[in-house]
């Protein structure tokens, strides 16, 4: 007990606001925090009770309002760009051709990944434009 975590809240199966530990256990908030928490908050918490399949925590500081939190924006399909940095691609091509050992293998692998990424992006754009 007393261990600290930083977790993101979400709505649980019963409609209450909960979190989940990396090991899969559900995280419940102690009273009165259970009624104060909102979904999609990033909260620093301290463990106050450990059970077999869940734990009970309380926030270590006042959670910020949802509007104040930094939320990672998911890009729209039009905002996803193909890798067109020719200088990067030329450098990777040179390394994969002239490099030795692991360096050449990594550069070659990165070129394949960039090529696949660009192909996937083009295909997704075609699907959404239809």
N, C-alpha and C. Protein backbone atom coordinates (compact mmCIF):
# COMPACT_ATOMS: atom_id res chain seq x y z
N UNK A 1 0.84 -1.18 0.00
CA UNK A 1 0.00 0.00 0.00
C UNK A 1 0.89 1.24 0.00
N UNK A 2 0.32 2.34 -0.48
CA UNK A 2 1.08 3.57 -0.57
C UNK A 2 1.76 3.76 -1.91
N UNK A 3 1.78 2.72 -2.76
CA UNK A 3 2.42 2.83 -4.07
C UNK A 3 1.66 3.84 -4.92
N UNK A 4 2.40 4.60 -5.73
CA UNK A 4 1.79 5.66 -6.53
C UNK A 4 1.80 5.30 -8.00
N UNK A 5 0.76 5.73 -8.70
CA UNK A 5 0.60 5.51 -10.14
C UNK A 5 0.06 6.77 -10.78
N UNK A 6 0.26 6.89 -12.08
CA UNK A 6 -0.43 7.89 -12.90
C UNK A 6 -1.30 7.11 -13.87
N UNK A 7 -2.62 7.34 -13.78
CA UNK A 7 -3.57 6.55 -14.55
C UNK A 7 -4.57 7.46 -15.26
N UNK A 8 -5.20 6.93 -16.29
CA UNK A 8 -6.26 7.65 -17.02
C UNK A 8 -7.59 7.02 -16.64
N UNK A 9 -8.56 7.86 -16.34
CA UNK A 9 -9.88 7.39 -15.92
C UNK A 9 -10.76 7.10 -17.14
N UNK A 10 -11.72 6.22 -16.93
CA UNK A 10 -12.73 5.92 -17.95
C UNK A 10 -13.99 5.43 -17.26
N UNK A 11 -15.07 5.30 -18.00
CA UNK A 11 -16.33 4.81 -17.45
C UNK A 11 -16.28 3.29 -17.41
N UNK A 12 -16.52 2.73 -16.22
CA UNK A 12 -16.51 1.28 -16.05
C UNK A 12 -17.83 0.65 -16.46
N UNK A 13 -17.90 -0.67 -16.35
CA UNK A 13 -19.10 -1.42 -16.75
C UNK A 13 -20.34 -1.00 -15.96
N UNK A 14 -20.15 -0.60 -14.72
CA UNK A 14 -21.29 -0.24 -13.87
C UNK A 14 -21.61 1.25 -13.95
N UNK A 15 -20.93 1.98 -14.85
CA UNK A 15 -21.20 3.40 -15.03
C UNK A 15 -20.38 4.32 -14.14
N UNK A 16 -19.55 3.73 -13.28
CA UNK A 16 -18.71 4.56 -12.41
C UNK A 16 -17.38 4.85 -13.09
N UNK A 17 -16.68 5.86 -12.59
CA UNK A 17 -15.39 6.23 -13.16
C UNK A 17 -14.31 5.38 -12.50
N UNK A 18 -13.51 4.71 -13.31
CA UNK A 18 -12.48 3.79 -12.83
C UNK A 18 -11.22 3.97 -13.66
N UNK A 19 -10.18 3.23 -13.29
CA UNK A 19 -8.94 3.14 -14.07
C UNK A 19 -8.57 1.67 -14.16
N UNK A 20 -7.51 1.38 -14.89
CA UNK A 20 -7.03 0.01 -14.97
C UNK A 20 -5.51 0.02 -14.84
N UNK A 21 -5.00 -0.91 -14.03
CA UNK A 21 -3.56 -1.06 -13.89
C UNK A 21 -3.00 -1.80 -15.09
N UNK A 22 -1.72 -1.67 -15.37
CA UNK A 22 -1.12 -2.41 -16.48
C UNK A 22 -1.31 -3.93 -16.36
N UNK A 23 -1.43 -4.45 -15.14
CA UNK A 23 -1.64 -5.90 -14.98
C UNK A 23 -3.09 -6.32 -15.18
N UNK A 24 -3.97 -5.35 -15.48
CA UNK A 24 -5.36 -5.66 -15.79
C UNK A 24 -6.33 -5.44 -14.64
N UNK A 25 -5.82 -5.26 -13.43
CA UNK A 25 -6.73 -5.06 -12.30
C UNK A 25 -7.44 -3.72 -12.43
N UNK A 26 -8.68 -3.70 -12.00
CA UNK A 26 -9.48 -2.48 -12.02
C UNK A 26 -9.10 -1.63 -10.82
N UNK A 27 -9.17 -0.32 -10.99
CA UNK A 27 -8.83 0.63 -9.95
C UNK A 27 -10.09 1.42 -9.60
N UNK A 28 -10.48 1.37 -8.34
CA UNK A 28 -11.64 2.12 -7.85
C UNK A 28 -11.16 3.26 -6.97
N UNK A 29 -11.92 4.34 -6.93
CA UNK A 29 -11.57 5.48 -6.10
C UNK A 29 -12.30 5.38 -4.76
N UNK A 30 -11.59 5.74 -3.68
CA UNK A 30 -12.21 5.76 -2.36
C UNK A 30 -13.20 6.91 -2.27
N UNK A 31 -14.11 6.82 -1.34
CA UNK A 31 -15.08 7.91 -1.12
C UNK A 31 -14.35 9.08 -0.50
N UNK A 32 -14.62 10.29 -0.77
CA UNK A 32 -15.65 10.85 -1.66
C UNK A 32 -15.15 11.03 -3.09
N UNK A 33 -13.93 10.61 -3.37
CA UNK A 33 -13.33 10.84 -4.69
C UNK A 33 -14.08 10.11 -5.79
N UNK A 34 -14.71 8.99 -5.46
CA UNK A 34 -15.41 8.22 -6.48
C UNK A 34 -16.49 9.03 -7.18
N UNK A 35 -17.08 10.01 -6.48
CA UNK A 35 -18.12 10.84 -7.08
C UNK A 35 -17.56 12.10 -7.72
N UNK A 36 -16.31 12.43 -7.44
CA UNK A 36 -15.71 13.65 -7.97
C UNK A 36 -14.95 13.42 -9.28
N UNK A 37 -14.61 12.18 -9.55
CA UNK A 37 -13.79 11.88 -10.72
C UNK A 37 -14.63 11.91 -12.00
N UNK A 38 -13.98 12.30 -13.10
CA UNK A 38 -14.62 12.33 -14.40
C UNK A 38 -13.82 11.45 -15.36
N UNK A 39 -14.46 10.94 -16.41
CA UNK A 39 -13.71 10.13 -17.38
C UNK A 39 -12.70 10.98 -18.15
N UNK A 40 -11.69 10.32 -18.67
CA UNK A 40 -10.64 10.94 -19.49
C UNK A 40 -9.78 11.93 -18.72
N UNK A 41 -9.60 11.70 -17.43
CA UNK A 41 -8.67 12.51 -16.64
C UNK A 41 -7.41 11.68 -16.41
N UNK A 42 -6.28 12.35 -16.38
CA UNK A 42 -5.03 11.70 -15.98
C UNK A 42 -4.83 12.08 -14.52
N UNK A 43 -4.75 11.05 -13.66
CA UNK A 43 -4.75 11.29 -12.23
C UNK A 43 -3.56 10.58 -11.58
N UNK A 44 -2.88 11.28 -10.69
CA UNK A 44 -1.86 10.66 -9.84
C UNK A 44 -2.58 10.11 -8.62
N UNK A 45 -2.38 8.83 -8.35
CA UNK A 45 -3.11 8.18 -7.25
C UNK A 45 -2.15 7.44 -6.33
N UNK A 46 -2.63 7.17 -5.11
CA UNK A 46 -1.90 6.39 -4.12
C UNK A 46 -2.80 5.24 -3.69
N UNK A 47 -2.24 4.04 -3.62
CA UNK A 47 -3.00 2.85 -3.25
C UNK A 47 -3.32 2.90 -1.76
N UNK A 48 -4.61 2.67 -1.43
CA UNK A 48 -5.02 2.64 -0.02
C UNK A 48 -5.54 1.27 0.41
N UNK A 49 -5.91 0.41 -0.57
CA UNK A 49 -6.42 -0.92 -0.24
C UNK A 49 -6.20 -1.84 -1.43
N UNK A 50 -5.67 -3.02 -1.17
CA UNK A 50 -5.39 -3.98 -2.25
C UNK A 50 -6.25 -5.21 -2.04
N UNK A 51 -6.97 -5.59 -3.09
CA UNK A 51 -7.76 -6.82 -3.11
C UNK A 51 -7.24 -7.70 -4.24
N UNK A 52 -7.76 -8.92 -4.32
CA UNK A 52 -7.27 -9.87 -5.32
C UNK A 52 -7.44 -9.37 -6.75
N UNK A 53 -8.63 -8.85 -7.09
CA UNK A 53 -8.89 -8.47 -8.48
C UNK A 53 -9.13 -6.97 -8.67
N UNK A 54 -8.94 -6.16 -7.64
CA UNK A 54 -9.06 -4.71 -7.78
C UNK A 54 -8.27 -4.04 -6.67
N UNK A 55 -8.04 -2.74 -6.83
CA UNK A 55 -7.41 -1.96 -5.77
C UNK A 55 -8.22 -0.68 -5.57
N UNK A 56 -8.09 -0.10 -4.42
CA UNK A 56 -8.75 1.17 -4.13
C UNK A 56 -7.66 2.22 -3.95
N UNK A 57 -7.88 3.37 -4.58
CA UNK A 57 -6.88 4.45 -4.55
C UNK A 57 -7.56 5.76 -4.17
N UNK A 58 -6.71 6.74 -3.87
CA UNK A 58 -7.19 8.10 -3.72
C UNK A 58 -6.20 9.00 -4.45
N UNK A 59 -6.69 10.08 -5.02
CA UNK A 59 -5.79 11.00 -5.75
C UNK A 59 -4.78 11.62 -4.80
N UNK A 60 -3.55 11.80 -5.30
CA UNK A 60 -2.51 12.44 -4.48
C UNK A 60 -2.56 13.95 -4.62
N UNK A 61 -3.22 14.43 -5.67
CA UNK A 61 -3.41 15.86 -5.85
C UNK A 61 -4.75 16.07 -6.53
N UNK A 62 -5.21 17.28 -6.53
CA UNK A 62 -6.49 17.58 -7.15
C UNK A 62 -6.37 17.37 -8.65
N UNK A 63 -7.19 16.50 -9.24
CA UNK A 63 -7.08 16.28 -10.69
C UNK A 63 -7.49 17.53 -11.45
N UNK A 64 -6.78 17.85 -12.54
CA UNK A 64 -7.14 19.03 -13.32
C UNK A 64 -8.48 18.83 -14.01
N UNK A 65 -9.13 19.92 -14.29
CA UNK A 65 -10.38 19.85 -15.04
C UNK A 65 -10.09 19.29 -16.42
N UNK A 66 -11.07 18.66 -17.03
CA UNK A 66 -10.86 18.02 -18.32
C UNK A 66 -10.35 18.98 -19.38
N UNK A 67 -10.83 20.22 -19.35
CA UNK A 67 -10.41 21.18 -20.36
C UNK A 67 -8.94 21.53 -20.23
N UNK A 68 -8.37 21.44 -19.02
CA UNK A 68 -6.99 21.84 -18.79
C UNK A 68 -5.99 20.76 -19.16
N UNK A 69 -6.43 19.54 -19.32
CA UNK A 69 -5.52 18.44 -19.58
C UNK A 69 -5.09 18.42 -21.03
N UNK A 70 -3.85 17.99 -21.23
CA UNK A 70 -3.38 17.79 -22.58
C UNK A 70 -3.93 16.46 -23.08
N UNK A 71 -4.64 16.51 -24.17
CA UNK A 71 -5.20 15.29 -24.74
C UNK A 71 -4.54 15.10 -26.09
N UNK A 72 -4.03 13.91 -26.30
CA UNK A 72 -3.36 13.62 -27.55
C UNK A 72 -4.41 13.55 -28.66
N UNK A 73 -4.25 14.39 -29.66
CA UNK A 73 -5.22 14.48 -30.73
C UNK A 73 -4.97 13.35 -31.72
N UNK A 74 -6.03 12.68 -32.12
CA UNK A 74 -5.93 11.67 -33.15
C UNK A 74 -6.07 12.38 -34.49
N UNK A 75 -5.08 12.22 -35.37
CA UNK A 75 -5.13 12.98 -36.62
C UNK A 75 -6.25 12.50 -37.53
N UNK A 76 -6.81 13.44 -38.26
CA UNK A 76 -7.79 13.11 -39.29
C UNK A 76 -7.02 12.46 -40.44
N UNK A 77 -7.73 11.71 -41.27
CA UNK A 77 -7.07 11.01 -42.37
C UNK A 77 -6.37 11.99 -43.31
N UNK A 78 -6.92 13.20 -43.48
CA UNK A 78 -6.30 14.19 -44.36
C UNK A 78 -5.01 14.75 -43.78
N UNK A 79 -4.85 14.64 -42.44
CA UNK A 79 -3.66 15.20 -41.79
C UNK A 79 -2.50 14.21 -41.77
N UNK A 80 -2.76 12.96 -42.08
CA UNK A 80 -1.69 11.95 -42.08
C UNK A 80 -0.87 12.14 -43.34
N UNK A 81 0.39 12.41 -43.16
CA UNK A 81 1.25 12.71 -44.30
C UNK A 81 2.14 11.54 -44.65
N UNK A 82 2.35 11.41 -45.92
CA UNK A 82 3.32 10.42 -46.37
C UNK A 82 4.71 10.97 -46.09
N UNK A 83 5.65 10.07 -45.86
CA UNK A 83 7.04 10.51 -45.64
C UNK A 83 7.61 10.88 -47.00
N UNK A 84 7.88 12.17 -47.15
CA UNK A 84 8.40 12.67 -48.42
C UNK A 84 9.75 13.33 -48.24
N UNK A 85 10.35 13.16 -47.08
CA UNK A 85 11.65 13.78 -46.80
C UNK A 85 12.71 13.06 -47.62
N UNK A 86 12.99 13.61 -48.79
CA UNK A 86 13.91 12.93 -49.70
C UNK A 86 15.32 12.86 -49.12
N UNK A 87 15.72 13.84 -48.33
CA UNK A 87 17.07 13.80 -47.76
C UNK A 87 17.18 12.62 -46.79
N UNK A 88 16.14 12.38 -46.00
CA UNK A 88 16.15 11.24 -45.07
C UNK A 88 16.18 9.94 -45.85
N UNK A 89 15.35 9.84 -46.87
CA UNK A 89 15.30 8.61 -47.65
C UNK A 89 16.62 8.36 -48.36
N UNK A 90 17.23 9.41 -48.92
CA UNK A 90 18.53 9.26 -49.60
C UNK A 90 19.61 8.82 -48.62
N UNK A 91 19.59 9.39 -47.41
CA UNK A 91 20.58 8.99 -46.40
C UNK A 91 20.39 7.52 -46.02
N UNK A 92 19.14 7.11 -45.82
CA UNK A 92 18.89 5.71 -45.47
C UNK A 92 19.29 4.78 -46.61
N UNK A 93 19.02 5.17 -47.85
CA UNK A 93 19.43 4.35 -48.99
C UNK A 93 20.94 4.21 -49.05
N UNK A 94 21.64 5.33 -48.82
CA UNK A 94 23.11 5.29 -48.86
C UNK A 94 23.65 4.38 -47.75
N UNK A 95 23.09 4.51 -46.55
CA UNK A 95 23.54 3.68 -45.43
C UNK A 95 23.25 2.21 -45.70
N UNK A 96 22.07 1.92 -46.25
CA UNK A 96 21.73 0.51 -46.49
C UNK A 96 22.61 -0.11 -47.57
N UNK A 97 23.08 0.71 -48.53
CA UNK A 97 23.96 0.20 -49.59
C UNK A 97 25.42 0.16 -49.16
N UNK A 98 25.88 1.19 -48.43
CA UNK A 98 27.29 1.30 -48.10
C UNK A 98 27.61 0.87 -46.67
N UNK A 99 26.60 0.81 -45.83
CA UNK A 99 26.83 0.48 -44.43
C UNK A 99 27.19 -0.98 -44.24
N UNK A 100 27.60 -1.29 -43.02
CA UNK A 100 27.99 -2.65 -42.70
C UNK A 100 27.18 -3.16 -41.52
N UNK A 101 26.89 -4.43 -41.54
CA UNK A 101 26.28 -5.09 -40.40
C UNK A 101 24.91 -4.56 -40.04
N UNK A 102 24.74 -4.34 -38.75
CA UNK A 102 23.44 -3.94 -38.22
C UNK A 102 22.98 -2.59 -38.74
N UNK A 103 23.90 -1.68 -38.98
CA UNK A 103 23.53 -0.35 -39.46
C UNK A 103 22.83 -0.45 -40.81
N UNK A 104 23.38 -1.23 -41.72
CA UNK A 104 22.78 -1.40 -43.04
C UNK A 104 21.43 -2.11 -42.93
N UNK A 105 21.33 -3.08 -42.06
CA UNK A 105 20.07 -3.82 -41.88
C UNK A 105 18.99 -2.89 -41.33
N UNK A 106 19.34 -2.08 -40.35
CA UNK A 106 18.37 -1.15 -39.76
C UNK A 106 17.93 -0.12 -40.80
N UNK A 107 18.86 0.44 -41.55
CA UNK A 107 18.51 1.43 -42.57
C UNK A 107 17.60 0.81 -43.62
N UNK A 108 17.90 -0.40 -44.04
CA UNK A 108 17.06 -1.10 -45.01
C UNK A 108 15.67 -1.35 -44.44
N UNK A 109 15.61 -1.76 -43.19
CA UNK A 109 14.32 -1.99 -42.55
C UNK A 109 13.50 -0.71 -42.46
N UNK A 110 14.14 0.41 -42.12
CA UNK A 110 13.43 1.68 -42.04
C UNK A 110 12.89 2.10 -43.41
N UNK A 111 13.65 1.85 -44.46
CA UNK A 111 13.16 2.16 -45.81
C UNK A 111 11.93 1.33 -46.14
N UNK A 112 11.93 0.07 -45.76
CA UNK A 112 10.75 -0.78 -46.00
C UNK A 112 9.55 -0.28 -45.20
N UNK A 113 9.78 0.11 -43.97
CA UNK A 113 8.69 0.62 -43.13
C UNK A 113 8.10 1.90 -43.74
N UNK A 114 8.96 2.81 -44.18
CA UNK A 114 8.49 4.06 -44.79
C UNK A 114 7.69 3.75 -46.04
N UNK A 115 8.18 2.83 -46.84
CA UNK A 115 7.48 2.45 -48.06
C UNK A 115 6.10 1.87 -47.75
N UNK A 116 6.04 0.98 -46.77
CA UNK A 116 4.75 0.39 -46.38
C UNK A 116 3.82 1.44 -45.80
N UNK A 117 4.35 2.34 -44.99
CA UNK A 117 3.53 3.40 -44.40
C UNK A 117 2.91 4.26 -45.51
N UNK A 118 3.72 4.64 -46.48
CA UNK A 118 3.20 5.45 -47.58
C UNK A 118 2.14 4.71 -48.37
N UNK A 119 2.34 3.42 -48.61
CA UNK A 119 1.37 2.61 -49.33
C UNK A 119 0.05 2.52 -48.55
N UNK A 120 0.14 2.29 -47.26
CA UNK A 120 -1.06 2.21 -46.41
C UNK A 120 -1.81 3.53 -46.42
N UNK A 121 -1.10 4.63 -46.28
CA UNK A 121 -1.74 5.94 -46.27
C UNK A 121 -2.44 6.20 -47.60
N UNK A 122 -1.79 5.88 -48.71
CA UNK A 122 -2.44 6.08 -50.02
C UNK A 122 -3.70 5.24 -50.13
N UNK A 123 -3.65 3.98 -49.69
CA UNK A 123 -4.82 3.10 -49.76
C UNK A 123 -5.95 3.60 -48.87
N UNK A 124 -5.63 4.07 -47.68
CA UNK A 124 -6.66 4.60 -46.78
C UNK A 124 -7.30 5.84 -47.39
N UNK A 125 -6.50 6.71 -47.97
CA UNK A 125 -7.05 7.91 -48.61
C UNK A 125 -8.00 7.52 -49.75
N UNK A 126 -7.62 6.53 -50.55
CA UNK A 126 -8.47 6.08 -51.66
C UNK A 126 -9.80 5.55 -51.13
N UNK A 127 -9.76 4.81 -50.05
CA UNK A 127 -10.99 4.24 -49.47
C UNK A 127 -11.92 5.36 -49.00
N UNK A 128 -11.36 6.37 -48.32
CA UNK A 128 -12.19 7.43 -47.78
C UNK A 128 -12.65 8.41 -48.85
N UNK A 129 -11.96 8.47 -49.97
CA UNK A 129 -12.36 9.38 -51.04
C UNK A 129 -13.46 8.78 -51.91
N UNK A 130 -13.66 7.46 -51.83
CA UNK A 130 -14.70 6.81 -52.65
C UNK A 130 -16.08 7.13 -52.20
